[in-house]
Amino acid sequence: MLRRQTPTISEVDLERHLLRASVSSLHAERLCCDRCKRTPLVGEVVYRMPKHRTVCALCLPYRKDRPIASVPVRHGEEIRAQRITPPVPRDAS
């Protein structure tokens, strides 16, 4: 039986592929305004609207509906550093 040989990839092509994959990952995590497509700055407040929309502070006056919540924009490393911990069980007594 003949085995297929997988094509080898050069080091330069591998580096390029990994760089594109990491940039795409960062772009996917990026928060942006659904109206103007602007990326809010760290510390700026964005507003959650009905139907899972996100609007920056500059676009909020153009919306007729009221925001559900306001969320401060955090640094990407701060978001990744957070861990979800299970709730501590309370004593039954």
PDB file of N, CA and C in Angstrom:
ATOM      1  N   MET A   1       0.824  -1.172   0.000  1.00  0.00           N
ATOM      2  CA  MET A   1       0.000   0.000   0.000  1.00  0.00           C
ATOM      3  C   MET A   1       0.880   1.252   0.000  1.00  0.00           C
ATOM      4  N   LEU A   2       0.549   2.193  -0.821  1.00  0.00           N
ATOM      5  CA  LEU A   2       1.319   3.434  -0.887  1.00  0.00           C
ATOM      6  C   LEU A   2       0.749   4.451   0.084  1.00  0.00           C
ATOM      7  N   ARG A   3       1.646   5.108   0.782  1.00  0.00           N
ATOM      8  CA  ARG A   3       1.232   6.155   1.714  1.00  0.00           C
ATOM      9  C   ARG A   3       1.363   7.502   1.032  1.00  0.00           C
ATOM     10  N   ARG A   4       0.403   8.332   1.287  1.00  0.00           N
ATOM     11  CA  ARG A   4       0.478   9.692   0.748  1.00  0.00           C
ATOM     12  C   ARG A   4       1.503  10.486   1.536  1.00  0.00           C
ATOM     13  N   GLN A   5       2.250  11.247   0.828  1.00  0.00           N
ATOM     14  CA  GLN A   5       3.208  12.114   1.513  1.00  0.00           C
ATOM     15  C   GLN A   5       2.557  13.475   1.711  1.00  0.00           C
ATOM     16  N   THR A   6       2.603  13.923   2.939  1.00  0.00           N
ATOM     17  CA  THR A   6       2.045  15.248   3.209  1.00  0.00           C
ATOM     18  C   THR A   6       3.071  16.289   2.785  1.00  0.00           C
ATOM     19  N   PRO A   7       2.619  17.327   2.135  1.00  0.00           N
ATOM     20  CA  PRO A   7       3.567  18.355   1.710  1.00  0.00           C
ATOM     21  C   PRO A   7       4.165  19.069   2.922  1.00  0.00           C
ATOM     22  N   THR A   8       5.427  19.354   2.839  1.00  0.00           N
ATOM     23  CA  THR A   8       6.086  20.075   3.932  1.00  0.00           C
ATOM     24  C   THR A   8       5.895  21.568   3.711  1.00  0.00           C
ATOM     25  N   ILE A   9       5.919  22.292   4.807  1.00  0.00           N
ATOM     26  CA  ILE A   9       5.742  23.742   4.742  1.00  0.00           C
ATOM     27  C   ILE A   9       7.043  24.394   5.199  1.00  0.00           C
ATOM     28  N   SER A  10       7.410  25.448   4.530  1.00  0.00           N
ATOM     29  CA  SER A  10       8.657  26.114   4.891  1.00  0.00           C
ATOM     30  C   SER A  10       8.478  26.888   6.203  1.00  0.00           C
ATOM     31  N   GLU A  11       9.577  27.222   6.810  1.00  0.00           N
ATOM     32  CA  GLU A  11       9.542  27.947   8.085  1.00  0.00           C
ATOM     33  C   GLU A  11       8.897  29.322   7.912  1.00  0.00           C
ATOM     34  N   VAL A  12       9.195  29.970   6.816  1.00  0.00           N
ATOM     35  CA  VAL A  12       8.636  31.302   6.554  1.00  0.00           C
ATOM     36  C   VAL A  12       7.121  31.209   6.391  1.00  0.00           C
ATOM     37  N   ASP A  13       6.644  30.201   5.652  1.00  0.00           N
ATOM     38  CA  ASP A  13       5.209  30.034   5.465  1.00  0.00           C
ATOM     39  C   ASP A  13       4.515  29.689   6.779  1.00  0.00           C
ATOM     40  N   LEU A  14       5.166  28.890   7.619  1.00  0.00           N
ATOM     41  CA  LEU A  14       4.609  28.552   8.923  1.00  0.00           C
ATOM     42  C   LEU A  14       4.484  29.798   9.793  1.00  0.00           C
ATOM     43  N   GLU A  15       5.513  30.623   9.827  1.00  0.00           N
ATOM     44  CA  GLU A  15       5.474  31.870  10.604  1.00  0.00           C
ATOM     45  C   GLU A  15       4.352  32.772  10.106  1.00  0.00           C
ATOM     46  N   ARG A  16       4.219  32.890   8.806  1.00  0.00           N
ATOM     47  CA  ARG A  16       3.175  33.731   8.211  1.00  0.00           C
ATOM     48  C   ARG A  16       1.787  33.207   8.589  1.00  0.00           C
ATOM     49  N   HIS A  17       1.617  31.889   8.534  1.00  0.00           N
ATOM     50  CA  HIS A  17       0.327  31.283   8.881  1.00  0.00           C
ATOM     51  C   HIS A  17      -0.017  31.526  10.353  1.00  0.00           C
ATOM     52  N   LEU A  18       0.955  31.346  11.242  1.00  0.00           N
ATOM     53  CA  LEU A  18       0.719  31.561  12.670  1.00  0.00           C
ATOM     54  C   LEU A  18       0.410  33.024  12.976  1.00  0.00           C
ATOM     55  N   LEU A  19       1.089  33.942  12.297  1.00  0.00           N
ATOM     56  CA  LEU A  19       0.823  35.364  12.498  1.00  0.00           C
ATOM     57  C   LEU A  19      -0.591  35.716  12.052  1.00  0.00           C
ATOM     58  N   ARG A  20      -0.998  35.227  10.893  1.00  0.00           N
ATOM     59  CA  ARG A  20      -2.357  35.502  10.410  1.00  0.00           C
ATOM     60  C   ARG A  20      -3.401  34.917  11.341  1.00  0.00           C
ATOM     61  N   ALA A  21      -3.154  33.720  11.847  1.00  0.00           N
ATOM     62  CA  ALA A  21      -4.101  33.083  12.756  1.00  0.00           C
ATOM     63  C   ALA A  21      -4.235  33.883  14.059  1.00  0.00           C
ATOM     64  N   SER A  22      -3.132  34.394  14.584  1.00  0.00           N
ATOM     65  CA  SER A  22      -3.192  35.157  15.834  1.00  0.00           C
ATOM     66  C   SER A  22      -3.868  36.506  15.628  1.00  0.00           C
ATOM     67  N   VAL A  23      -3.613  37.155  14.500  1.00  0.00           N
ATOM     68  CA  VAL A  23      -4.261  38.440  14.215  1.00  0.00           C
ATOM     69  C   VAL A  23      -5.761  38.236  14.027  1.00  0.00           C
ATOM     70  N   SER A  24      -6.146  37.163  13.353  1.00  0.00           N
ATOM     71  CA  SER A  24      -7.571  36.866  13.170  1.00  0.00           C
ATOM     72  C   SER A  24      -8.245  36.604  14.508  1.00  0.00           C
ATOM     73  N   SER A  25      -7.550  35.920  15.395  1.00  0.00           N
ATOM     74  CA  SER A  25      -8.096  35.640  16.720  1.00  0.00           C
ATOM     75  C   SER A  25      -8.307  36.934  17.501  1.00  0.00           C
ATOM     76  N   LEU A  26      -7.345  37.835  17.454  1.00  0.00           N
ATOM     77  CA  LEU A  26      -7.489  39.119  18.146  1.00  0.00           C
ATOM     78  C   LEU A  26      -8.612  39.940  17.540  1.00  0.00           C
ATOM     79  N   HIS A  27      -8.730  39.899  16.224  1.00  0.00           N
ATOM     80  CA  HIS A  27      -9.778  40.655  15.542  1.00  0.00           C
ATOM     81  C   HIS A  27     -11.155  40.121  15.920  1.00  0.00           C
ATOM     82  N   ALA A  28     -11.273  38.809  16.097  1.00  0.00           N
ATOM     83  CA  ALA A  28     -12.563  38.208  16.452  1.00  0.00           C
ATOM     84  C   ALA A  28     -12.988  38.602  17.863  1.00  0.00           C
ATOM     85  N   GLU A  29     -12.027  38.784  18.780  1.00  0.00           N
ATOM     86  CA  GLU A  29     -12.334  39.147  20.158  1.00  0.00           C
ATOM     87  C   GLU A  29     -12.590  40.642  20.328  1.00  0.00           C
ATOM     88  N   ARG A  30     -12.276  41.413  19.325  1.00  0.00           N
ATOM     89  CA  ARG A  30     -12.349  42.863  19.422  1.00  0.00           C
ATOM     90  C   ARG A  30     -13.794  43.328  19.571  1.00  0.00           C
ATOM     91  N   LEU A  31     -13.988  44.289  20.440  1.00  0.00           N
ATOM     92  CA  LEU A  31     -15.295  44.894  20.647  1.00  0.00           C
ATOM     93  C   LEU A  31     -15.408  46.092  19.707  1.00  0.00           C
ATOM     94  N   CYS A  32     -16.516  46.203  18.977  1.00  0.00           N
ATOM     95  CA  CYS A  32     -16.690  47.363  18.110  1.00  0.00           C
ATOM     96  C   CYS A  32     -18.149  47.799  18.138  1.00  0.00           C
ATOM     97  N   CYS A  33     -18.366  49.054  17.782  1.00  0.00           N
ATOM     98  CA  CYS A  33     -19.697  49.636  17.751  1.00  0.00           C
ATOM     99  C   CYS A  33     -20.453  49.080  16.538  1.00  0.00           C
ATOM    100  N   ASP A  34     -21.691  48.676  16.751  1.00  0.00           N
ATOM    101  CA  ASP A  34     -22.482  48.143  15.646  1.00  0.00           C
ATOM    102  C   ASP A  34     -22.959  49.227  14.688  1.00  0.00           C
ATOM    103  N   ARG A  35     -22.939  50.483  15.104  1.00  0.00           N
ATOM    104  CA  ARG A  35     -23.399  51.563  14.234  1.00  0.00           C
ATOM    105  C   ARG A  35     -22.262  52.135  13.386  1.00  0.00           C
ATOM    106  N   CYS A  36     -21.164  52.548  14.036  1.00  0.00           N
ATOM    107  CA  CYS A  36     -20.083  53.217  13.308  1.00  0.00           C
ATOM    108  C   CYS A  36     -18.876  52.312  13.047  1.00  0.00           C
ATOM    109  N   LYS A  37     -18.891  51.103  13.619  1.00  0.00           N
ATOM    110  CA  LYS A  37     -17.808  50.116  13.457  1.00  0.00           C
ATOM    111  C   LYS A  37     -16.483  50.566  14.067  1.00  0.00           C
ATOM    112  N   ARG A  38     -16.536  51.566  14.937  1.00  0.00           N
ATOM    113  CA  ARG A  38     -15.329  52.064  15.597  1.00  0.00           C
ATOM    114  C   ARG A  38     -14.978  51.168  16.766  1.00  0.00           C
ATOM    115  N   THR A  39     -13.685  50.978  17.025  1.00  0.00           N
ATOM    116  CA  THR A  39     -13.227  50.225  18.188  1.00  0.00           C
ATOM    117  C   THR A  39     -13.061  51.194  19.350  1.00  0.00           C
ATOM    118  N   PRO A  40     -13.848  51.038  20.413  1.00  0.00           N
ATOM    119  CA  PRO A  40     -13.739  51.951  21.558  1.00  0.00           C
ATOM    120  C   PRO A  40     -12.392  51.804  22.263  1.00  0.00           C
ATOM    121  N   LEU A  41     -11.944  52.880  22.867  1.00  0.00           N
ATOM    122  CA  LEU A  41     -10.682  52.887  23.595  1.00  0.00           C
ATOM    123  C   LEU A  41     -10.849  52.222  24.958  1.00  0.00           C
ATOM    124  N   VAL A  42      -9.750  51.766  25.516  1.00  0.00           N
ATOM    125  CA  VAL A  42      -9.764  51.178  26.854  1.00  0.00           C
ATOM    126  C   VAL A  42     -10.216  52.243  27.844  1.00  0.00           C
ATOM    127  N   GLY A  43     -11.169  51.900  28.699  1.00  0.00           N
ATOM    128  CA  GLY A  43     -11.705  52.839  29.671  1.00  0.00           C
ATOM    129  C   GLY A  43     -12.975  53.522  29.194  1.00  0.00           C
ATOM    130  N   GLU A  44     -13.228  53.502  27.915  1.00  0.00           N
ATOM    131  CA  GLU A  44     -14.450  54.096  27.368  1.00  0.00           C
ATOM    132  C   GLU A  44     -15.638  53.192  27.715  1.00  0.00           C
ATOM    133  N   VAL A  45     -16.823  53.764  27.753  1.00  0.00           N
ATOM    134  CA  VAL A  45     -18.021  53.005  28.087  1.00  0.00           C
ATOM    135  C   VAL A  45     -18.783  52.689  26.807  1.00  0.00           C
ATOM    136  N   VAL A  46     -19.189  51.433  26.655  1.00  0.00           N
ATOM    137  CA  VAL A  46     -20.062  51.038  25.557  1.00  0.00           C
ATOM    138  C   VAL A  46     -21.390  50.607  26.148  1.00  0.00           C
ATOM    139  N   TYR A  47     -22.416  50.636  25.346  1.00  0.00           N
ATOM    140  CA  TYR A  47     -23.759  50.358  25.821  1.00  0.00           C
ATOM    141  C   TYR A  47     -24.330  49.144  25.110  1.00  0.00           C
ATOM    142  N   ARG A  48     -24.906  48.243  25.902  1.00  0.00           N
ATOM    143  CA  ARG A  48     -25.583  47.064  25.352  1.00  0.00           C
ATOM    144  C   ARG A  48     -27.028  47.451  25.093  1.00  0.00           C
ATOM    145  N   MET A  49     -27.450  47.212  23.865  1.00  0.00           N
ATOM    146  CA  MET A  49     -28.798  47.556  23.450  1.00  0.00           C
ATOM    147  C   MET A  49     -29.608  46.277  23.269  1.00  0.00           C
ATOM    148  N   PRO A  50     -30.917  46.406  23.098  1.00  0.00           N
ATOM    149  CA  PRO A  50     -31.712  45.213  22.799  1.00  0.00           C
ATOM    150  C   PRO A  50     -31.216  44.531  21.523  1.00  0.00           C
ATOM    151  N   LYS A  51     -31.528  43.272  21.368  1.00  0.00           N
ATOM    152  CA  LYS A  51     -31.129  42.450  20.219  1.00  0.00           C
ATOM    153  C   LYS A  51     -29.614  42.274  20.129  1.00  0.00           C
ATOM    154  N   HIS A  52     -28.927  42.279  21.281  1.00  0.00           N
ATOM    155  CA  HIS A  52     -27.486  42.007  21.371  1.00  0.00           C
ATOM    156  C   HIS A  52     -26.648  42.991  20.554  1.00  0.00           C
ATOM    157  N   ARG A  53     -27.038  44.223  20.513  1.00  0.00           N
ATOM    158  CA  ARG A  53     -26.276  45.265  19.825  1.00  0.00           C
ATOM    159  C   ARG A  53     -25.379  45.978  20.825  1.00  0.00           C
ATOM    160  N   THR A  54     -24.228  46.435  20.343  1.00  0.00           N
ATOM    161  CA  THR A  54     -23.291  47.208  21.159  1.00  0.00           C
ATOM    162  C   THR A  54     -23.099  48.558  20.489  1.00  0.00           C
ATOM    163  N   VAL A  55     -23.240  49.624  21.261  1.00  0.00           N
ATOM    164  CA  VAL A  55     -23.144  50.980  20.720  1.00  0.00           C
ATOM    165  C   VAL A  55     -22.167  51.782  21.567  1.00  0.00           C
ATOM    166  N   CYS A  56     -21.302  52.554  20.906  1.00  0.00           N
ATOM    167  CA  CYS A  56     -20.345  53.391  21.640  1.00  0.00           C
ATOM    168  C   CYS A  56     -21.046  54.646  22.162  1.00  0.00           C
ATOM    169  N   ALA A  57     -20.360  55.389  23.011  1.00  0.00           N
ATOM    170  CA  ALA A  57     -20.932  56.591  23.618  1.00  0.00           C
ATOM    171  C   ALA A  57     -21.225  57.665  22.577  1.00  0.00           C
ATOM    172  N   LEU A  58     -20.477  57.689  21.482  1.00  0.00           N
ATOM    173  CA  LEU A  58     -20.705  58.693  20.445  1.00  0.00           C
ATOM    174  C   LEU A  58     -21.981  58.422  19.648  1.00  0.00           C
ATOM    175  N   CYS A  59     -22.347  57.168  19.517  1.00  0.00           N
ATOM    176  CA  CYS A  59     -23.527  56.794  18.726  1.00  0.00           C
ATOM    177  C   CYS A  59     -24.793  56.673  19.564  1.00  0.00           C
ATOM    178  N   LEU A  60     -24.676  56.689  20.868  1.00  0.00           N
ATOM    179  CA  LEU A  60     -25.837  56.521  21.737  1.00  0.00           C
ATOM    180  C   LEU A  60     -26.926  57.573  21.488  1.00  0.00           C
ATOM    181  N   PRO A  61     -26.599  58.857  21.289  1.00  0.00           N
ATOM    182  CA  PRO A  61     -27.659  59.840  21.041  1.00  0.00           C
ATOM    183  C   PRO A  61     -28.470  59.574  19.765  1.00  0.00           C
ATOM    184  N   TYR A  62     -27.937  58.817  18.835  1.00  0.00           N
ATOM    185  CA  TYR A  62     -28.637  58.525  17.589  1.00  0.00           C
ATOM    186  C   TYR A  62     -29.614  57.359  17.722  1.00  0.00           C
ATOM    187  N   ARG A  63     -29.607  56.697  18.856  1.00  0.00           N
ATOM    188  CA  ARG A  63     -30.498  55.554  19.078  1.00  0.00           C
ATOM    189  C   ARG A  63     -31.772  56.011  19.784  1.00  0.00           C
ATOM    190  N   LYS A  64     -32.896  55.468  19.373  1.00  0.00           N
ATOM    191  CA  LYS A  64     -34.167  55.821  20.009  1.00  0.00           C
ATOM    192  C   LYS A  64     -34.419  54.966  21.251  1.00  0.00           C
ATOM    193  N   ASP A  65     -33.994  53.703  21.215  1.00  0.00           N
ATOM    194  CA  ASP A  65     -34.237  52.824  22.349  1.00  0.00           C
ATOM    195  C   ASP A  65     -33.191  53.052  23.442  1.00  0.00           C
ATOM    196  N   ARG A  66     -33.539  52.626  24.633  1.00  0.00           N
ATOM    197  CA  ARG A  66     -32.664  52.822  25.788  1.00  0.00           C
ATOM    198  C   ARG A  66     -31.727  51.641  25.955  1.00  0.00           C
ATOM    199  N   PRO A  67     -30.513  51.887  26.456  1.00  0.00           N
ATOM    200  CA  PRO A  67     -29.575  50.779  26.668  1.00  0.00           C
ATOM    201  C   PRO A  67     -30.010  49.869  27.812  1.00  0.00           C
ATOM    202  N   ILE A  68     -29.655  48.607  27.682  1.00  0.00           N
ATOM    203  CA  ILE A  68     -29.931  47.630  28.731  1.00  0.00           C
ATOM    204  C   ILE A  68     -28.870  47.720  29.822  1.00  0.00           C
ATOM    205  N   ALA A  69     -27.612  47.930  29.395  1.00  0.00           N
ATOM    206  CA  ALA A  69     -26.503  47.997  30.354  1.00  0.00           C
ATOM    207  C   ALA A  69     -25.377  48.837  29.773  1.00  0.00           C
ATOM    208  N   SER A  70     -24.525  49.330  30.642  1.00  0.00           N
ATOM    209  CA  SER A  70     -23.318  50.025  30.214  1.00  0.00           C
ATOM    210  C   SER A  70     -22.119  49.216  30.697  1.00  0.00           C
ATOM    211  N   VAL A  71     -21.133  49.091  29.811  1.00  0.00           N
ATOM    212  CA  VAL A  71     -19.985  48.234  30.105  1.00  0.00           C
ATOM    213  C   VAL A  71     -18.697  49.010  29.812  1.00  0.00           C
ATOM    214  N   PRO A  72     -17.773  49.105  30.785  1.00  0.00           N
ATOM    215  CA  PRO A  72     -16.488  49.752  30.481  1.00  0.00           C
ATOM    216  C   PRO A  72     -15.621  48.819  29.636  1.00  0.00           C
ATOM    217  N   VAL A  73     -14.917  49.390  28.681  1.00  0.00           N
ATOM    218  CA  VAL A  73     -14.023  48.607  27.819  1.00  0.00           C
ATOM    219  C   VAL A  73     -12.751  48.330  28.606  1.00  0.00           C
ATOM    220  N   ARG A  74     -12.364  47.057  28.634  1.00  0.00           N
ATOM    221  CA  ARG A  74     -11.165  46.667  29.368  1.00  0.00           C
ATOM    222  C   ARG A  74     -10.077  46.270  28.389  1.00  0.00           C
ATOM    223  N   HIS A  75      -8.875  46.240  28.900  1.00  0.00           N
ATOM    224  CA  HIS A  75      -7.727  45.835  28.101  1.00  0.00           C
ATOM    225  C   HIS A  75      -7.828  44.348  27.795  1.00  0.00           C
ATOM    226  N   GLY A  76      -7.387  43.922  26.620  1.00  0.00           N
ATOM    227  CA  GLY A  76      -7.484  42.536  26.202  1.00  0.00           C
ATOM    228  C   GLY A  76      -6.794  41.571  27.143  1.00  0.00           C
ATOM    229  N   GLU A  77      -5.650  41.948  27.691  1.00  0.00           N
ATOM    230  CA  GLU A  77      -4.943  41.068  28.623  1.00  0.00           C
ATOM    231  C   GLU A  77      -5.721  40.920  29.919  1.00  0.00           C
ATOM    232  N   GLU A  78      -6.413  41.966  30.319  1.00  0.00           N
ATOM    233  CA  GLU A  78      -7.208  41.905  31.543  1.00  0.00           C
ATOM    234  C   GLU A  78      -8.369  40.923  31.368  1.00  0.00           C
ATOM    235  N   ILE A  79      -8.962  40.898  30.186  1.00  0.00           N
ATOM    236  CA  ILE A  79     -10.067  39.988  29.915  1.00  0.00           C
ATOM    237  C   ILE A  79      -9.583  38.546  29.946  1.00  0.00           C
ATOM    238  N   ARG A  80      -8.438  38.279  29.341  1.00  0.00           N
ATOM    239  CA  ARG A  80      -7.910  36.917  29.304  1.00  0.00           C
ATOM    240  C   ARG A  80      -7.468  36.435  30.680  1.00  0.00           C
ATOM    241  N   ALA A  81      -7.093  37.365  31.566  1.00  0.00           N
ATOM    242  CA  ALA A  81      -6.579  36.992  32.883  1.00  0.00           C
ATOM    243  C   ALA A  81      -7.685  36.600  33.846  1.00  0.00           C
ATOM    244  N   GLN A  82      -8.925  36.923  33.539  1.00  0.00           N
ATOM    245  CA  GLN A  82     -10.020  36.599  34.438  1.00  0.00           C
ATOM    246  C   GLN A  82     -10.323  35.113  34.382  1.00  0.00           C
ATOM    247  N   ARG A  83     -10.650  34.573  35.539  1.00  0.00           N
ATOM    248  CA  ARG A  83     -11.019  33.164  35.619  1.00  0.00           C
ATOM    249  C   ARG A  83     -12.389  33.060  36.268  1.00  0.00           C
ATOM    250  N   ILE A  84     -13.183  32.185  35.755  1.00  0.00           N
ATOM    251  CA  ILE A  84     -14.489  31.947  36.355  1.00  0.00           C
ATOM    252  C   ILE A  84     -14.297  30.902  37.443  1.00  0.00           C
ATOM    253  N   THR A  85     -14.679  31.259  38.634  1.00  0.00           N
ATOM    254  CA  THR A  85     -14.532  30.329  39.757  1.00  0.00           C
ATOM    255  C   THR A  85     -15.909  29.827  40.168  1.00  0.00           C
ATOM    256  N   PRO A  86     -15.997  28.587  40.568  1.00  0.00           N
ATOM    257  CA  PRO A  86     -17.304  28.066  41.004  1.00  0.00           C
ATOM    258  C   PRO A  86     -17.748  28.730  42.288  1.00  0.00           C
ATOM    259  N   PRO A  87     -19.045  28.871  42.482  1.00  0.00           N
ATOM    260  CA  PRO A  87     -19.525  29.502  43.721  1.00  0.00           C
ATOM    261  C   PRO A  87     -19.158  28.650  44.935  1.00  0.00           C
ATOM    262  N   VAL A  88     -18.880  29.327  46.018  1.00  0.00           N
ATOM    263  CA  VAL A  88     -18.523  28.647  47.263  1.00  0.00           C
ATOM    264  C   VAL A  88     -19.805  28.151  47.913  1.00  0.00           C
ATOM    265  N   PRO A  89     -19.888  26.849  48.225  1.00  0.00           N
ATOM    266  CA  PRO A  89     -21.117  26.346  48.868  1.00  0.00           C
ATOM    267  C   PRO A  89     -21.270  26.910  50.275  1.00  0.00           C
ATOM    268  N   ARG A  90     -22.490  27.252  50.611  1.00  0.00           N
ATOM    269  CA  ARG A  90     -22.775  27.794  51.945  1.00  0.00           C
ATOM    270  C   ARG A  90     -23.060  26.651  52.891  1.00  0.00           C
ATOM    271  N   ASP A  91     -22.827  26.916  54.176  1.00  0.00           N
ATOM    272  CA  ASP A  91     -23.140  25.911  55.190  1.00  0.00           C
ATOM    273  C   ASP A  91     -24.641  25.670  55.248  1.00  0.00           C
ATOM    274  N   ALA A  92     -25.035  24.418  55.352  1.00  0.00           N
ATOM    275  CA  ALA A  92     -26.455  24.064  55.412  1.00  0.00           C
ATOM    276  C   ALA A  92     -27.017  24.321  56.804  1.00  0.00           C
ATOM    277  N   SER A  93     -26.150  24.567  57.767  1.00  0.00           N
ATOM    278  CA  SER A  93     -26.651  24.753  59.149  1.00  0.00           C
ATOM    279  C   SER A  93     -27.184  26.110  59.411  1.00  0.00           C
TER     280      SER A  93
END
